[in-house]
Amino acid sequence: MKSLLVKNGIVLGLFLALVVGNAFAAGKAKSVIGTWNYEAPYAPYEYSTGKLIFTESGDKLEGKIKIGEYEIEMRNVTVDGNEISFGAYVEGEYVTIKATLAKSKLTGTASYSEGSIEVTAEKEK
């Protein structure tokens, strides 16, 4: 009887950890949703400022990058704890963006075949 209670306690503990972990991750994903003004000062001028627009479709996080009148679809948008990552094709080149979320700021890098560029973004209020 005691071992059955211990086994059930372990299973219940694992289940609760999973639920709380998923709720935490979902909360982080929801905090990303919205429009962010980004700056990449070392990028070519036309790409140095713009908007990152994150949306939710069902349980999936999606987004687009808006540079002037152009919109580029984000691919493979993921949130893992405070880390967000996604990719996008810019003029035929796949660029991977990885950033850390801290309150209403994103700080990270955009990596492509020529190297990496610093990127920062602030959430619009």
Protein backbone atom coordinates (compact mmCIF):
# COMPACT_ATOMS: atom_id res chain seq x y z
CA MET A 1 0.00 0.00 0.00
CA LYS A 2 2.79 2.41 0.91
CA SER A 3 4.71 1.68 -2.31
CA LEU A 4 1.51 2.27 -4.30
CA LEU A 5 1.13 5.69 -2.66
CA VAL A 6 4.77 6.50 -3.40
CA LYS A 7 4.39 5.44 -7.06
CA ASN A 8 1.17 7.45 -7.41
CA GLY A 9 2.89 10.43 -5.75
CA ILE A 10 5.77 10.24 -8.20
CA VAL A 11 3.42 10.00 -11.18
CA LEU A 12 1.34 12.90 -9.84
CA GLY A 13 4.51 14.95 -9.24
CA LEU A 14 5.73 14.34 -12.80
CA PHE A 15 2.31 15.23 -14.19
CA LEU A 16 2.19 18.48 -12.21
CA ALA A 17 5.73 19.36 -13.29
CA LEU A 18 4.72 18.85 -16.91
CA VAL A 19 1.59 20.97 -16.55
CA VAL A 20 3.39 23.78 -14.74
CA GLY A 21 6.30 23.66 -17.23
CA ASN A 22 3.94 23.85 -20.20
CA ALA A 23 1.97 26.70 -18.59
CA PHE A 24 5.23 28.58 -17.97
CA ALA A 25 6.35 28.08 -21.57
CA ALA A 26 2.91 29.12 -22.84
CA GLY A 27 3.09 32.23 -20.65
CA LYS A 28 6.46 33.14 -22.14
CA ALA A 29 5.13 32.56 -25.65
CA LYS A 30 2.15 34.82 -24.93
CA SER A 31 4.46 37.57 -23.64
CA VAL A 32 6.16 37.61 -27.07
CA ILE A 33 2.90 38.13 -28.97
CA GLY A 34 2.63 41.64 -30.31
CA THR A 35 4.66 44.15 -32.29
CA TRP A 36 8.32 44.83 -31.55
CA ASN A 37 10.42 47.64 -33.01
CA TYR A 38 13.83 46.25 -33.86
CA GLU A 39 17.22 47.78 -34.53
CA ALA A 40 20.22 46.12 -36.13
CA PRO A 41 22.73 48.99 -36.39
CA TYR A 42 25.39 46.96 -38.22
CA ALA A 43 23.01 45.59 -40.85
CA PRO A 44 22.76 47.20 -44.29
CA TYR A 45 20.80 50.47 -43.95
CA GLU A 46 17.56 49.18 -45.49
CA TYR A 47 17.43 46.33 -42.93
CA SER A 48 18.67 48.23 -39.87
CA THR A 49 15.19 49.02 -38.48
CA GLY A 50 11.78 47.45 -38.76
CA LYS A 51 9.12 45.54 -36.87
CA LEU A 52 8.85 41.96 -35.61
CA ILE A 53 5.19 41.00 -35.43
CA PHE A 54 4.37 37.84 -33.45
CA THR A 55 0.93 36.24 -33.55
CA GLU A 56 -0.64 33.04 -32.29
CA SER A 57 -2.57 30.64 -34.50
CA GLY A 58 -4.14 27.92 -32.38
CA ASP A 59 -1.28 26.76 -30.19
CA LYS A 60 1.38 27.76 -32.72
CA LEU A 61 3.48 30.93 -32.60
CA GLU A 62 3.90 32.67 -35.97
CA GLY A 63 5.21 35.99 -37.16
CA LYS A 64 6.47 38.30 -39.82
CA ILE A 65 9.20 40.88 -40.19
CA LYS A 66 8.05 44.21 -41.58
CA ILE A 67 10.67 46.42 -43.20
CA GLY A 68 9.06 49.50 -44.69
CA GLU A 69 6.30 48.18 -46.92
CA TYR A 70 7.82 44.70 -47.22
CA GLU A 71 6.78 41.75 -45.07
CA ILE A 72 8.85 38.60 -44.63
CA GLU A 73 7.35 35.46 -43.09
CA MET A 74 9.07 34.07 -40.00
CA ARG A 75 9.79 30.35 -40.02
CA ASN A 76 10.18 27.88 -37.14
CA VAL A 77 9.23 30.34 -34.39
CA THR A 78 10.02 28.78 -31.01
CA VAL A 79 10.11 29.95 -27.41
CA ASP A 80 12.11 27.96 -24.88
CA GLY A 81 12.14 29.64 -21.48
CA ASN A 82 13.40 33.19 -22.11
CA GLU A 83 14.90 32.27 -25.49
CA ILE A 84 13.10 32.93 -28.75
CA SER A 85 14.34 31.85 -32.15
CA PHE A 86 13.10 31.97 -35.71
CA GLY A 87 14.37 32.15 -39.25
CA ALA A 88 13.48 34.07 -42.38
CA TYR A 89 14.55 34.24 -46.00
CA VAL A 90 15.96 37.68 -46.78
CA GLU A 91 16.86 38.16 -50.44
CA GLY A 92 17.21 34.39 -50.83
CA GLU A 93 19.49 34.03 -47.79
CA TYR A 94 18.23 32.14 -44.72
CA VAL A 95 18.81 34.24 -41.60
CA THR A 96 18.47 32.75 -38.11
CA ILE A 97 17.54 35.07 -35.26
CA LYS A 98 18.06 34.04 -31.64
CA ALA A 99 17.21 36.41 -28.81
CA THR A 100 16.67 36.54 -25.08
CA LEU A 101 13.45 38.01 -23.68
CA ALA A 102 13.76 40.28 -20.64
CA LYS A 103 10.55 42.16 -19.77
CA SER A 104 9.72 44.17 -22.89
CA LYS A 105 13.14 43.82 -24.58
CA LEU A 106 14.68 41.27 -26.92
CA THR A 107 18.45 41.11 -27.28
CA GLY A 108 20.20 38.72 -29.63
CA THR A 109 21.85 38.03 -32.94
CA ALA A 110 20.90 37.50 -36.55
CA SER A 111 23.20 34.91 -38.14
CA TYR A 112 23.73 34.35 -41.86
CA SER A 113 26.44 33.10 -44.20
CA GLU A 114 28.61 36.23 -43.74
CA GLY A 115 28.50 36.16 -39.91
CA SER A 116 26.32 37.58 -37.13
CA ILE A 117 24.77 40.97 -36.40
CA GLU A 118 23.45 42.28 -33.08
CA VAL A 119 19.70 42.81 -32.91
CA THR A 120 17.64 44.50 -30.20
CA ALA A 121 13.90 45.05 -30.05
CA GLU A 122 11.42 46.77 -27.77
CA LYS A 123 7.76 45.86 -27.53
CA GLU A 124 5.27 48.49 -28.60
CA LYS A 125 2.91 49.56 -25.87
